[in-house]
Amino acid sequence: MTLWVVSALLFVVSLMVAGQLFFKATALVLQQEGTWQSAKVLFYFVPSLAIYGLATLAWIWVLQYVELSRAYPFMALAFVLVPIFSAWFFGEHQGWRYYIGVSLICIGVMLTATSSSPAQ
């Protein structure tokens, strides 16, 4: 897998993570405001949708250049990054088991990214 493809995949993952963080912020503001019609709620919700839409377009673009079976494991990095950033932005906490799981996910993604395609 080329550096360019890996960079593009990481860009898609970054958009997914940002979208999830905006969705959480939307949920927190919605809980406070009590209505979807609040400008404050829409301030977070609209960018959430826009970011996810951009992530979807970027994902489709990337899939033109890499096999789905090779690209998809990178999406597991969202399981690593979202909780880390949610701890930072929202004060959520993870235990030691989380960090063991994150390590295993990262190892799996690295193995997948560095594996060669089977001969055809």
PDB file of N, CA and C in Angstrom:
ATOM      1  N   MET A   1       0.864  -1.172   0.000  1.00  0.00           N
ATOM      2  CA  MET A   1       0.000   0.000   0.000  1.00  0.00           C
ATOM      3  C   MET A   1       0.908   1.232   0.000  1.00  0.00           C
ATOM      4  N   THR A   2       0.636   2.151  -0.889  1.00  0.00           N
ATOM      5  CA  THR A   2       1.496   3.331  -1.009  1.00  0.00           C
ATOM      6  C   THR A   2       1.215   4.334   0.108  1.00  0.00           C
ATOM      7  N   LEU A   3       2.153   5.213   0.308  1.00  0.00           N
ATOM      8  CA  LEU A   3       1.997   6.267   1.313  1.00  0.00           C
ATOM      9  C   LEU A   3       0.791   7.144   0.978  1.00  0.00           C
ATOM     10  N   TRP A   4       0.578   7.372  -0.307  1.00  0.00           N
ATOM     11  CA  TRP A   4      -0.539   8.201  -0.737  1.00  0.00           C
ATOM     12  C   TRP A   4      -1.871   7.559  -0.326  1.00  0.00           C
ATOM     13  N   VAL A   5      -2.005   6.268  -0.547  1.00  0.00           N
ATOM     14  CA  VAL A   5      -3.245   5.555  -0.197  1.00  0.00           C
ATOM     15  C   VAL A   5      -3.445   5.539   1.310  1.00  0.00           C
ATOM     16  N   VAL A   6      -2.389   5.271   2.052  1.00  0.00           N
ATOM     17  CA  VAL A   6      -2.484   5.276   3.511  1.00  0.00           C
ATOM     18  C   VAL A   6      -2.896   6.664   4.005  1.00  0.00           C
ATOM     19  N   SER A   7      -2.306   7.707   3.430  1.00  0.00           N
ATOM     20  CA  SER A   7      -2.664   9.082   3.820  1.00  0.00           C
ATOM     21  C   SER A   7      -4.131   9.371   3.526  1.00  0.00           C
ATOM     22  N   ALA A   8      -4.608   8.937   2.365  1.00  0.00           N
ATOM     23  CA  ALA A   8      -6.006   9.152   2.015  1.00  0.00           C
ATOM     24  C   ALA A   8      -6.932   8.405   2.968  1.00  0.00           C
ATOM     25  N   LEU A   9      -6.567   7.172   3.323  1.00  0.00           N
ATOM     26  CA  LEU A   9      -7.368   6.399   4.277  1.00  0.00           C
ATOM     27  C   LEU A   9      -7.387   7.068   5.646  1.00  0.00           C
ATOM     28  N   LEU A  10      -6.257   7.575   6.078  1.00  0.00           N
ATOM     29  CA  LEU A  10      -6.205   8.269   7.369  1.00  0.00           C
ATOM     30  C   LEU A  10      -7.029   9.556   7.340  1.00  0.00           C
ATOM     31  N   PHE A  11      -7.080  10.213   6.188  1.00  0.00           N
ATOM     32  CA  PHE A  11      -7.929  11.396   6.029  1.00  0.00           C
ATOM     33  C   PHE A  11      -9.399  11.025   6.217  1.00  0.00           C
ATOM     34  N   VAL A  12      -9.830   9.932   5.606  1.00  0.00           N
ATOM     35  CA  VAL A  12     -11.209   9.469   5.748  1.00  0.00           C
ATOM     36  C   VAL A  12     -11.507   9.142   7.207  1.00  0.00           C
ATOM     37  N   VAL A  13     -10.590   8.445   7.858  1.00  0.00           N
ATOM     38  CA  VAL A  13     -10.769   8.109   9.275  1.00  0.00           C
ATOM     39  C   VAL A  13     -10.879   9.391  10.106  1.00  0.00           C
ATOM     40  N   SER A  14     -10.038  10.364   9.808  1.00  0.00           N
ATOM     41  CA  SER A  14     -10.077  11.639  10.540  1.00  0.00           C
ATOM     42  C   SER A  14     -11.426  12.326  10.388  1.00  0.00           C
ATOM     43  N   LEU A  15     -11.975  12.290   9.183  1.00  0.00           N
ATOM     44  CA  LEU A  15     -13.304  12.869   8.975  1.00  0.00           C
ATOM     45  C   LEU A  15     -14.362  12.110   9.772  1.00  0.00           C
ATOM     46  N   MET A  16     -14.264  10.796   9.794  1.00  0.00           N
ATOM     47  CA  MET A  16     -15.221   9.996  10.563  1.00  0.00           C
ATOM     48  C   MET A  16     -15.145  10.335  12.055  1.00  0.00           C
ATOM     49  N   VAL A  17     -13.938  10.479  12.552  1.00  0.00           N
ATOM     50  CA  VAL A  17     -13.747  10.814  13.967  1.00  0.00           C
ATOM     51  C   VAL A  17     -14.335  12.196  14.255  1.00  0.00           C
ATOM     52  N   ALA A  18     -14.025  13.159  13.402  1.00  0.00           N
ATOM     53  CA  ALA A  18     -14.552  14.515  13.594  1.00  0.00           C
ATOM     54  C   ALA A  18     -16.079  14.501  13.555  1.00  0.00           C
ATOM     55  N   GLY A  19     -16.647  13.736  12.636  1.00  0.00           N
ATOM     56  CA  GLY A  19     -18.105  13.645  12.564  1.00  0.00           C
ATOM     57  C   GLY A  19     -18.701  13.074  13.833  1.00  0.00           C
ATOM     58  N   GLN A  20     -18.091  12.039  14.377  1.00  0.00           N
ATOM     59  CA  GLN A  20     -18.582  11.446  15.619  1.00  0.00           C
ATOM     60  C   GLN A  20     -18.510  12.441  16.781  1.00  0.00           C
ATOM     61  N   LEU A  21     -17.424  13.195  16.844  1.00  0.00           N
ATOM     62  CA  LEU A  21     -17.289  14.187  17.911  1.00  0.00           C
ATOM     63  C   LEU A  21     -18.356  15.274  17.788  1.00  0.00           C
ATOM     64  N   PHE A  22     -18.639  15.694  16.553  1.00  0.00           N
ATOM     65  CA  PHE A  22     -19.702  16.680  16.349  1.00  0.00           C
ATOM     66  C   PHE A  22     -21.069  16.087  16.685  1.00  0.00           C
ATOM     67  N   PHE A  23     -21.290  14.812  16.367  1.00  0.00           N
ATOM     68  CA  PHE A  23     -22.562  14.184  16.740  1.00  0.00           C
ATOM     69  C   PHE A  23     -22.731  14.152  18.261  1.00  0.00           C
ATOM     70  N   LYS A  24     -21.656  13.855  18.976  1.00  0.00           N
ATOM     71  CA  LYS A  24     -21.731  13.843  20.444  1.00  0.00           C
ATOM     72  C   LYS A  24     -22.017  15.249  20.972  1.00  0.00           C
ATOM     73  N   ALA A  25     -21.330  16.241  20.398  1.00  0.00           N
ATOM     74  CA  ALA A  25     -21.586  17.627  20.813  1.00  0.00           C
ATOM     75  C   ALA A  25     -23.040  18.006  20.530  1.00  0.00           C
ATOM     76  N   THR A  26     -23.559  17.563  19.396  1.00  0.00           N
ATOM     77  CA  THR A  26     -24.966  17.810  19.060  1.00  0.00           C
ATOM     78  C   THR A  26     -25.873  17.198  20.115  1.00  0.00           C
ATOM     79  N   ALA A  27     -25.585  15.968  20.512  1.00  0.00           N
ATOM     80  CA  ALA A  27     -26.416  15.277  21.511  1.00  0.00           C
ATOM     81  C   ALA A  27     -26.402  16.012  22.849  1.00  0.00           C
ATOM     82  N   LEU A  28     -25.235  16.491  23.239  1.00  0.00           N
ATOM     83  CA  LEU A  28     -25.136  17.202  24.515  1.00  0.00           C
ATOM     84  C   LEU A  28     -25.909  18.519  24.478  1.00  0.00           C
ATOM     85  N   VAL A  29     -25.788  19.234  23.368  1.00  0.00           N
ATOM     86  CA  VAL A  29     -26.508  20.510  23.239  1.00  0.00           C
ATOM     87  C   VAL A  29     -28.014  20.260  23.122  1.00  0.00           C
ATOM     88  N   LEU A  30     -28.390  19.211  22.401  1.00  0.00           N
ATOM     89  CA  LEU A  30     -29.812  18.866  22.284  1.00  0.00           C
ATOM     90  C   LEU A  30     -30.399  18.535  23.650  1.00  0.00           C
ATOM     91  N   GLN A  31     -29.632  17.856  24.469  1.00  0.00           N
ATOM     92  CA  GLN A  31     -30.087  17.525  25.818  1.00  0.00           C
ATOM     93  C   GLN A  31     -30.339  18.799  26.625  1.00  0.00           C
ATOM     94  N   GLN A  32     -29.469  19.783  26.461  1.00  0.00           N
ATOM     95  CA  GLN A  32     -29.622  21.058  27.175  1.00  0.00           C
ATOM     96  C   GLN A  32     -30.788  21.883  26.628  1.00  0.00           C
ATOM     97  N   GLU A  33     -30.860  21.963  25.302  1.00  0.00           N
ATOM     98  CA  GLU A  33     -31.842  22.833  24.657  1.00  0.00           C
ATOM     99  C   GLU A  33     -33.238  22.209  24.621  1.00  0.00           C
ATOM    100  N   GLY A  34     -33.301  20.878  24.477  1.00  0.00           N
ATOM    101  CA  GLY A  34     -34.578  20.192  24.476  1.00  0.00           C
ATOM    102  C   GLY A  34     -35.332  20.237  23.154  1.00  0.00           C
ATOM    103  N   THR A  35     -34.752  20.808  22.115  1.00  0.00           N
ATOM    104  CA  THR A  35     -35.433  20.876  20.824  1.00  0.00           C
ATOM    105  C   THR A  35     -34.425  20.931  19.684  1.00  0.00           C
ATOM    106  N   TRP A  36     -34.802  20.304  18.570  1.00  0.00           N
ATOM    107  CA  TRP A  36     -33.953  20.334  17.373  1.00  0.00           C
ATOM    108  C   TRP A  36     -33.994  21.705  16.704  1.00  0.00           C
ATOM    109  N   GLN A  37     -34.980  22.511  17.047  1.00  0.00           N
ATOM    110  CA  GLN A  37     -35.167  23.793  16.384  1.00  0.00           C
ATOM    111  C   GLN A  37     -34.275  24.888  16.958  1.00  0.00           C
ATOM    112  N   SER A  38     -33.433  24.551  17.881  1.00  0.00           N
ATOM    113  CA  SER A  38     -32.517  25.510  18.474  1.00  0.00           C
ATOM    114  C   SER A  38     -31.356  25.793  17.518  1.00  0.00           C
ATOM    115  N   ALA A  39     -30.994  27.045  17.391  1.00  0.00           N
ATOM    116  CA  ALA A  39     -29.845  27.420  16.549  1.00  0.00           C
ATOM    117  C   ALA A  39     -28.566  26.796  17.089  1.00  0.00           C
ATOM    118  N   LYS A  40     -28.479  26.663  18.389  1.00  0.00           N
ATOM    119  CA  LYS A  40     -27.297  26.066  19.008  1.00  0.00           C
ATOM    120  C   LYS A  40     -27.162  24.587  18.617  1.00  0.00           C
ATOM    121  N   VAL A  41     -28.278  23.869  18.578  1.00  0.00           N
ATOM    122  CA  VAL A  41     -28.264  22.465  18.171  1.00  0.00           C
ATOM    123  C   VAL A  41     -27.851  22.362  16.704  1.00  0.00           C
ATOM    124  N   LEU A  42     -28.461  23.186  15.870  1.00  0.00           N
ATOM    125  CA  LEU A  42     -28.146  23.153  14.440  1.00  0.00           C
ATOM    126  C   LEU A  42     -26.698  23.551  14.167  1.00  0.00           C
ATOM    127  N   PHE A  43     -26.131  24.386  15.017  1.00  0.00           N
ATOM    128  CA  PHE A  43     -24.729  24.806  14.875  1.00  0.00           C
ATOM    129  C   PHE A  43     -23.784  23.601  14.908  1.00  0.00           C
ATOM    130  N   TYR A  44     -24.141  22.578  15.666  1.00  0.00           N
ATOM    131  CA  TYR A  44     -23.332  21.356  15.733  1.00  0.00           C
ATOM    132  C   TYR A  44     -23.833  20.277  14.761  1.00  0.00           C
ATOM    133  N   PHE A  45     -25.142  20.193  14.575  1.00  0.00           N
ATOM    134  CA  PHE A  45     -25.700  19.121  13.769  1.00  0.00           C
ATOM    135  C   PHE A  45     -25.385  19.261  12.277  1.00  0.00           C
ATOM    136  N   VAL A  46     -25.511  20.449  11.745  1.00  0.00           N
ATOM    137  CA  VAL A  46     -25.263  20.654  10.315  1.00  0.00           C
ATOM    138  C   VAL A  46     -23.820  20.308   9.947  1.00  0.00           C
ATOM    139  N   PRO A  47     -22.814  20.776  10.695  1.00  0.00           N
ATOM    140  CA  PRO A  47     -21.448  20.338  10.371  1.00  0.00           C
ATOM    141  C   PRO A  47     -21.247  18.832  10.525  1.00  0.00           C
ATOM    142  N   SER A  48     -21.951  18.206  11.462  1.00  0.00           N
ATOM    143  CA  SER A  48     -21.867  16.744  11.615  1.00  0.00           C
ATOM    144  C   SER A  48     -22.237  16.058  10.312  1.00  0.00           C
ATOM    145  N   LEU A  49     -23.353  16.462   9.749  1.00  0.00           N
ATOM    146  CA  LEU A  49     -23.816  15.869   8.502  1.00  0.00           C
ATOM    147  C   LEU A  49     -22.869  16.187   7.345  1.00  0.00           C
ATOM    148  N   ALA A  50     -22.390  17.413   7.299  1.00  0.00           N
ATOM    149  CA  ALA A  50     -21.473  17.823   6.226  1.00  0.00           C
ATOM    150  C   ALA A  50     -20.171  17.028   6.287  1.00  0.00           C
ATOM    151  N   ILE A  51     -19.638  16.859   7.482  1.00  0.00           N
ATOM    152  CA  ILE A  51     -18.395  16.100   7.644  1.00  0.00           C
ATOM    153  C   ILE A  51     -18.598  14.641   7.242  1.00  0.00           C
ATOM    154  N   TYR A  52     -19.712  14.048   7.671  1.00  0.00           N
ATOM    155  CA  TYR A  52     -19.991  12.655   7.294  1.00  0.00           C
ATOM    156  C   TYR A  52     -20.212  12.527   5.790  1.00  0.00           C
ATOM    157  N   GLY A  53     -20.860  13.504   5.196  1.00  0.00           N
ATOM    158  CA  GLY A  53     -21.041  13.491   3.747  1.00  0.00           C
ATOM    159  C   GLY A  53     -19.712  13.565   3.021  1.00  0.00           C
ATOM    160  N   LEU A  54     -18.832  14.440   3.472  1.00  0.00           N
ATOM    161  CA  LEU A  54     -17.494  14.555   2.882  1.00  0.00           C
ATOM    162  C   LEU A  54     -16.707  13.268   3.082  1.00  0.00           C
ATOM    163  N   ALA A  55     -16.826  12.660   4.253  1.00  0.00           N
ATOM    164  CA  ALA A  55     -16.140  11.390   4.527  1.00  0.00           C
ATOM    165  C   ALA A  55     -16.628  10.302   3.566  1.00  0.00           C
ATOM    166  N   THR A  56     -17.919  10.283   3.301  1.00  0.00           N
ATOM    167  CA  THR A  56     -18.475   9.292   2.383  1.00  0.00           C
ATOM    168  C   THR A  56     -17.936   9.490   0.971  1.00  0.00           C
ATOM    169  N   LEU A  57     -17.906  10.730   0.513  1.00  0.00           N
ATOM    170  CA  LEU A  57     -17.362  11.015  -0.817  1.00  0.00           C
ATOM    171  C   LEU A  57     -15.879  10.660  -0.899  1.00  0.00           C
ATOM    172  N   ALA A  58     -15.130  10.997   0.137  1.00  0.00           N
ATOM    173  CA  ALA A  58     -13.695  10.682   0.162  1.00  0.00           C
ATOM    174  C   ALA A  58     -13.483   9.171   0.179  1.00  0.00           C
ATOM    175  N   TRP A  59     -14.317   8.456   0.903  1.00  0.00           N
ATOM    176  CA  TRP A  59     -14.216   6.998   0.986  1.00  0.00           C
ATOM    177  C   TRP A  59     -14.442   6.372  -0.395  1.00  0.00           C
ATOM    178  N   ILE A  60     -15.470   6.822  -1.083  1.00  0.00           N
ATOM    179  CA  ILE A  60     -15.746   6.306  -2.427  1.00  0.00           C
ATOM    180  C   ILE A  60     -14.578   6.613  -3.355  1.00  0.00           C
ATOM    181  N   TRP A  61     -14.014   7.781  -3.237  1.00  0.00           N
ATOM    182  CA  TRP A  61     -12.869   8.165  -4.067  1.00  0.00           C
ATOM    183  C   TRP A  61     -11.666   7.257  -3.790  1.00  0.00           C
ATOM    184  N   VAL A  62     -11.387   7.013  -2.514  1.00  0.00           N
ATOM    185  CA  VAL A  62     -10.264   6.158  -2.135  1.00  0.00           C
ATOM    186  C   VAL A  62     -10.462   4.737  -2.653  1.00  0.00           C
ATOM    187  N   LEU A  63     -11.697   4.254  -2.616  1.00  0.00           N
ATOM    188  CA  LEU A  63     -11.964   2.877  -3.035  1.00  0.00           C
ATOM    189  C   LEU A  63     -11.715   2.641  -4.531  1.00  0.00           C
ATOM    190  N   GLN A  64     -11.546   3.707  -5.278  1.00  0.00           N
ATOM    191  CA  GLN A  64     -11.153   3.556  -6.678  1.00  0.00           C
ATOM    192  C   GLN A  64      -9.726   3.040  -6.807  1.00  0.00           C
ATOM    193  N   TYR A  65      -8.920   3.263  -5.765  1.00  0.00           N
ATOM    194  CA  TYR A  65      -7.485   2.991  -5.838  1.00  0.00           C
ATOM    195  C   TYR A  65      -7.008   1.856  -4.945  1.00  0.00           C
ATOM    196  N   VAL A  66      -7.873   1.341  -4.091  1.00  0.00           N
ATOM    197  CA  VAL A  66      -7.464   0.283  -3.164  1.00  0.00           C
ATOM    198  C   VAL A  66      -8.620  -0.695  -2.976  1.00  0.00           C
ATOM    199  N   GLU A  67      -8.277  -1.941  -2.785  1.00  0.00           N
ATOM    200  CA  GLU A  67      -9.288  -2.971  -2.553  1.00  0.00           C
ATOM    201  C   GLU A  67     -10.011  -2.702  -1.237  1.00  0.00           C
ATOM    202  N   LEU A  68     -11.301  -2.963  -1.221  1.00  0.00           N
ATOM    203  CA  LEU A  68     -12.103  -2.768  -0.013  1.00  0.00           C
ATOM    204  C   LEU A  68     -11.558  -3.596   1.141  1.00  0.00           C
ATOM    205  N   SER A  69     -11.155  -4.827   0.848  1.00  0.00           N
ATOM    206  CA  SER A  69     -10.642  -5.704   1.905  1.00  0.00           C
ATOM    207  C   SER A  69      -9.343  -5.182   2.516  1.00  0.00           C
ATOM    208  N   ARG A  70      -8.615  -4.358   1.791  1.00  0.00           N
ATOM    209  CA  ARG A  70      -7.384  -3.766   2.323  1.00  0.00           C
ATOM    210  C   ARG A  70      -7.657  -2.427   3.005  1.00  0.00           C
ATOM    211  N   ALA A  71      -8.664  -1.715   2.510  1.00  0.00           N
ATOM    212  CA  ALA A  71      -8.957  -0.378   3.036  1.00  0.00           C
ATOM    213  C   ALA A  71      -9.799  -0.421   4.308  1.00  0.00           C
ATOM    214  N   TYR A  72     -10.750  -1.333   4.358  1.00  0.00           N
ATOM    215  CA  TYR A  72     -11.723  -1.322   5.445  1.00  0.00           C
ATOM    216  C   TYR A  72     -11.125  -1.466   6.846  1.00  0.00           C
ATOM    217  N   PRO A  73     -10.091  -2.267   7.040  1.00  0.00           N
ATOM    218  CA  PRO A  73      -9.526  -2.344   8.399  1.00  0.00           C
ATOM    219  C   PRO A  73      -9.071  -0.993   8.963  1.00  0.00           C
ATOM    220  N   PHE A  74      -8.767  -0.034   8.105  1.00  0.00           N
ATOM    221  CA  PHE A  74      -8.387   1.284   8.595  1.00  0.00           C
ATOM    222  C   PHE A  74      -9.530   1.967   9.343  1.00  0.00           C
ATOM    223  N   MET A  75     -10.768   1.599   9.008  1.00  0.00           N
ATOM    224  CA  MET A  75     -11.909   2.191   9.704  1.00  0.00           C
ATOM    225  C   MET A  75     -11.893   1.820  11.186  1.00  0.00           C
ATOM    226  N   ALA A  76     -11.207   0.729  11.531  1.00  0.00           N
ATOM    227  CA  ALA A  76     -11.092   0.332  12.944  1.00  0.00           C
ATOM    228  C   ALA A  76     -10.341   1.384  13.751  1.00  0.00           C
ATOM    229  N   LEU A  77      -9.542   2.197  13.074  1.00  0.00           N
ATOM    230  CA  LEU A  77      -8.822   3.258  13.797  1.00  0.00           C
ATOM    231  C   LEU A  77      -9.779   4.263  14.427  1.00  0.00           C
ATOM    232  N   ALA A  78     -10.979   4.358  13.884  1.00  0.00           N
ATOM    233  CA  ALA A  78     -11.981   5.231  14.507  1.00  0.00           C
ATOM    234  C   ALA A  78     -12.328   4.731  15.907  1.00  0.00           C
ATOM    235  N   PHE A  79     -12.311   3.395  16.096  1.00  0.00           N
ATOM    236  CA  PHE A  79     -12.564   2.832  17.423  1.00  0.00           C
ATOM    237  C   PHE A  79     -11.454   3.198  18.404  1.00  0.00           C
ATOM    238  N   VAL A  80     -10.306   3.525  17.885  1.00  0.00           N
ATOM    239  CA  VAL A  80      -9.173   3.940  18.708  1.00  0.00           C
ATOM    240  C   VAL A  80      -9.266   5.435  19.010  1.00  0.00           C
ATOM    241  N   LEU A  81      -9.494   6.216  17.971  1.00  0.00           N
ATOM    242  CA  LEU A  81      -9.397   7.672  18.093  1.00  0.00           C
ATOM    243  C   LEU A  81     -10.613   8.337  18.724  1.00  0.00           C
ATOM    244  N   VAL A  82     -11.808   7.844  18.414  1.00  0.00           N
ATOM    245  CA  VAL A  82     -13.013   8.490  18.959  1.00  0.00           C
ATOM    246  C   VAL A  82     -13.001   8.483  20.494  1.00  0.00           C
ATOM    247  N   PRO A  83     -12.760   7.348  21.153  1.00  0.00           N
ATOM    248  CA  PRO A  83     -12.726   7.386  22.623  1.00  0.00           C
ATOM    249  C   PRO A  83     -11.588   8.244  23.197  1.00  0.00           C
ATOM    250  N   ILE A  84     -10.446   8.264  22.516  1.00  0.00           N
ATOM    251  CA  ILE A  84      -9.344   9.103  22.993  1.00  0.00           C
ATOM    252  C   ILE A  84      -9.756  10.571  22.946  1.00  0.00           C
ATOM    253  N   PHE A  85     -10.314  11.000  21.821  1.00  0.00           N
ATOM    254  CA  PHE A  85     -10.744  12.396  21.708  1.00  0.00           C
ATOM    255  C   PHE A  85     -11.972  12.694  22.554  1.00  0.00           C
ATOM    256  N   SER A  86     -12.831  11.709  22.767  1.00  0.00           N
ATOM    257  CA  SER A  86     -13.993  11.943  23.632  1.00  0.00           C
ATOM    258  C   SER A  86     -13.548  12.142  25.086  1.00  0.00           C
ATOM    259  N   ALA A  87     -12.461  11.494  25.461  1.00  0.00           N
ATOM    260  CA  ALA A  87     -11.907  11.734  26.804  1.00  0.00           C
ATOM    261  C   ALA A  87     -11.387  13.165  26.893  1.00  0.00           C
ATOM    262  N   TRP A  88     -10.750  13.603  25.838  1.00  0.00           N
ATOM    263  CA  TRP A  88     -10.164  14.945  25.832  1.00  0.00           C
ATOM    264  C   TRP A  88     -11.242  16.032  25.795  1.00  0.00           C
ATOM    265  N   PHE A  89     -12.208  15.889  24.878  1.00  0.00           N
ATOM    266  CA  PHE A  89     -13.209  16.937  24.692  1.00  0.00           C
ATOM    267  C   PHE A  89     -14.389  16.846  25.654  1.00  0.00           C
ATOM    268  N   PHE A  90     -14.777  15.624  26.040  1.00  0.00           N
ATOM    269  CA  PHE A  90     -15.999  15.460  26.823  1.00  0.00           C
ATOM    270  C   PHE A  90     -15.769  14.884  28.213  1.00  0.00           C
ATOM    271  N   GLY A  91     -14.524  14.606  28.561  1.00  0.00           N
ATOM    272  CA  GLY A  91     -14.219  14.095  29.889  1.00  0.00           C
ATOM    273  C   GLY A  91     -14.610  12.646  30.110  1.00  0.00           C
ATOM    274  N   GLU A  92     -14.813  11.890  29.032  1.00  0.00           N
ATOM    275  CA  GLU A  92     -15.146  10.472  29.170  1.00  0.00           C
ATOM    276  C   GLU A  92     -13.882   9.699  29.543  1.00  0.00           C
ATOM    277  N   HIS A  93     -14.055   8.607  30.273  1.00  0.00           N
ATOM    278  CA  HIS A  93     -12.896   7.850  30.759  1.00  0.00           C
ATOM    279  C   HIS A  93     -12.931   6.408  30.245  1.00  0.00           C
ATOM    280  N   GLN A  94     -11.752   5.863  29.988  1.00  0.00           N
ATOM    281  CA  GLN A  94     -11.604   4.473  29.585  1.00  0.00           C
ATOM    282  C   GLN A  94     -10.673   3.785  30.581  1.00  0.00           C
ATOM    283  N   GLY A  95     -10.907   2.511  30.761  1.00  0.00           N
ATOM    284  CA  GLY A  95     -10.076   1.724  31.670  1.00  0.00           C
ATOM    285  C   GLY A  95      -8.914   1.064  30.947  1.00  0.00           C
ATOM    286  N   TRP A  96      -8.165   0.286  31.674  1.00  0.00           N
ATOM    287  CA  TRP A  96      -6.977  -0.350  31.117  1.00  0.00           C
ATOM    288  C   TRP A  96      -7.330  -1.341  30.025  1.00  0.00           C
ATOM    289  N   ARG A  97      -8.483  -1.987  30.092  1.00  0.00           N
ATOM    290  CA  ARG A  97      -8.891  -2.936  29.061  1.00  0.00           C
ATOM    291  C   ARG A  97      -9.062  -2.240  27.709  1.00  0.00           C
ATOM    292  N   TYR A  98      -9.539  -1.014  27.765  1.00  0.00           N
ATOM    293  CA  TYR A  98      -9.674  -0.233  26.536  1.00  0.00           C
ATOM    294  C   TYR A  98      -8.318  -0.101  25.843  1.00  0.00           C
ATOM    295  N   TYR A  99      -7.296   0.227  26.597  1.00  0.00           N
ATOM    296  CA  TYR A  99      -5.979   0.440  26.003  1.00  0.00           C
ATOM    297  C   TYR A  99      -5.361  -0.858  25.476  1.00  0.00           C
ATOM    298  N   ILE A 100      -5.669  -1.971  26.090  1.00  0.00           N
ATOM    299  CA  ILE A 100      -5.231  -3.264  25.542  1.00  0.00           C
ATOM    300  C   ILE A 100      -5.944  -3.514  24.212  1.00  0.00           C
ATOM    301  N   GLY A 101      -7.235  -3.278  24.186  1.00  0.00           N
ATOM    302  CA  GLY A 101      -7.997  -3.442  22.952  1.00  0.00           C
ATOM    303  C   GLY A 101      -7.506  -2.529  21.848  1.00  0.00           C
ATOM    304  N   VAL A 102      -7.216  -1.282  22.192  1.00  0.00           N
ATOM    305  CA  VAL A 102      -6.682  -0.321  21.221  1.00  0.00           C
ATOM    306  C   VAL A 102      -5.363  -0.825  20.649  1.00  0.00           C
ATOM    307  N   SER A 103      -4.523  -1.369  21.492  1.00  0.00           N
ATOM    308  CA  SER A 103      -3.239  -1.905  21.029  1.00  0.00           C
ATOM    309  C   SER A 103      -3.448  -3.040  20.043  1.00  0.00           C
ATOM    310  N   LEU A 104      -4.389  -3.913  20.336  1.00  0.00           N
ATOM    311  CA  LEU A 104      -4.682  -5.027  19.435  1.00  0.00           C
ATOM    312  C   LEU A 104      -5.252  -4.541  18.103  1.00  0.00           C
ATOM    313  N   ILE A 105      -6.117  -3.549  18.152  1.00  0.00           N
ATOM    314  CA  ILE A 105      -6.661  -2.976  16.923  1.00  0.00           C
ATOM    315  C   ILE A 105      -5.538  -2.387  16.071  1.00  0.00           C
ATOM    316  N   CYS A 106      -4.657  -1.631  16.701  1.00  0.00           N
ATOM    317  CA  CYS A 106      -3.548  -1.001  15.966  1.00  0.00           C
ATOM    318  C   CYS A 106      -2.640  -2.060  15.337  1.00  0.00           C
ATOM    319  N   ILE A 107      -2.370  -3.116  16.057  1.00  0.00           N
ATOM    320  CA  ILE A 107      -1.549  -4.207  15.510  1.00  0.00           C
ATOM    321  C   ILE A 107      -2.260  -4.831  14.305  1.00  0.00           C
ATOM    322  N   GLY A 108      -3.543  -5.047  14.420  1.00  0.00           N
ATOM    323  CA  GLY A 108      -4.305  -5.621  13.315  1.00  0.00           C
ATOM    324  C   GLY A 108      -4.300  -4.734  12.085  1.00  0.00           C
ATOM    325  N   VAL A 109      -4.462  -3.433  12.282  1.00  0.00           N
ATOM    326  CA  VAL A 109      -4.436  -2.508  11.149  1.00  0.00           C
ATOM    327  C   VAL A 109      -3.056  -2.500  10.504  1.00  0.00           C
ATOM    328  N   MET A 110      -2.009  -2.501  11.316  1.00  0.00           N
ATOM    329  CA  MET A 110      -0.645  -2.522  10.766  1.00  0.00           C
ATOM    330  C   MET A 110      -0.392  -3.805   9.987  1.00  0.00           C
ATOM    331  N   LEU A 111      -0.823  -4.942  10.508  1.00  0.00           N
ATOM    332  CA  LEU A 111      -0.654  -6.207   9.794  1.00  0.00           C
ATOM    333  C   LEU A 111      -1.392  -6.186   8.460  1.00  0.00           C
ATOM    334  N   THR A 112      -2.595  -5.661   8.477  1.00  0.00           N
ATOM    335  CA  THR A 112      -3.386  -5.583   7.252  1.00  0.00           C
ATOM    336  C   THR A 112      -2.755  -4.649   6.228  1.00  0.00           C
ATOM    337  N   ALA A 113      -2.296  -3.505   6.693  1.00  0.00           N
ATOM    338  CA  ALA A 113      -1.726  -2.505   5.777  1.00  0.00           C
ATOM    339  C   ALA A 113      -0.432  -2.995   5.146  1.00  0.00           C
ATOM    340  N   THR A 114       0.331  -3.807   5.863  1.00  0.00           N
ATOM    341  CA  THR A 114       1.611  -4.247   5.354  1.00  0.00           C
ATOM    342  C   THR A 114       1.563  -5.624   4.692  1.00  0.00           C
ATOM    343  N   SER A 115       0.388  -6.252   4.671  1.00  0.00           N
ATOM    344  CA  SER A 115       0.277  -7.561   4.034  1.00  0.00           C
ATOM    345  C   SER A 115       0.263  -7.390   2.524  1.00  0.00           C
ATOM    346  N   SER A 116       0.722  -8.386   1.827  1.00  0.00           N
ATOM    347  CA  SER A 116       0.694  -8.316   0.365  1.00  0.00           C
ATOM    348  C   SER A 116      -0.577  -8.948  -0.137  1.00  0.00           C
ATOM    349  N   SER A 117      -1.013  -8.508  -1.295  1.00  0.00           N
ATOM    350  CA  SER A 117      -2.217  -9.087  -1.906  1.00  0.00           C
ATOM    351  C   SER A 117      -1.900 -10.489  -2.389  1.00  0.00           C
ATOM    352  N   PRO A 118      -2.846 -11.404  -2.298  1.00  0.00           N
ATOM    353  CA  PRO A 118      -2.592 -12.759  -2.777  1.00  0.00           C
ATOM    354  C   PRO A 118      -2.370 -12.776  -4.280  1.00  0.00           C
ATOM    355  N   ALA A 119      -1.543 -13.680  -4.736  1.00  0.00           N
ATOM    356  CA  ALA A 119      -1.262 -13.802  -6.177  1.00  0.00           C
ATOM    357  C   ALA A 119      -2.528 -14.245  -6.904  1.00  0.00           C
ATOM    358  N   GLN A 120      -2.741 -13.713  -8.084  1.00  0.00           N
ATOM    359  CA  GLN A 120      -3.953 -14.042  -8.836  1.00  0.00           C
ATOM    360  C   GLN A 120      -3.627 -14.899 -10.019  1.00  0.00           C
TER     361      GLN A 120
END
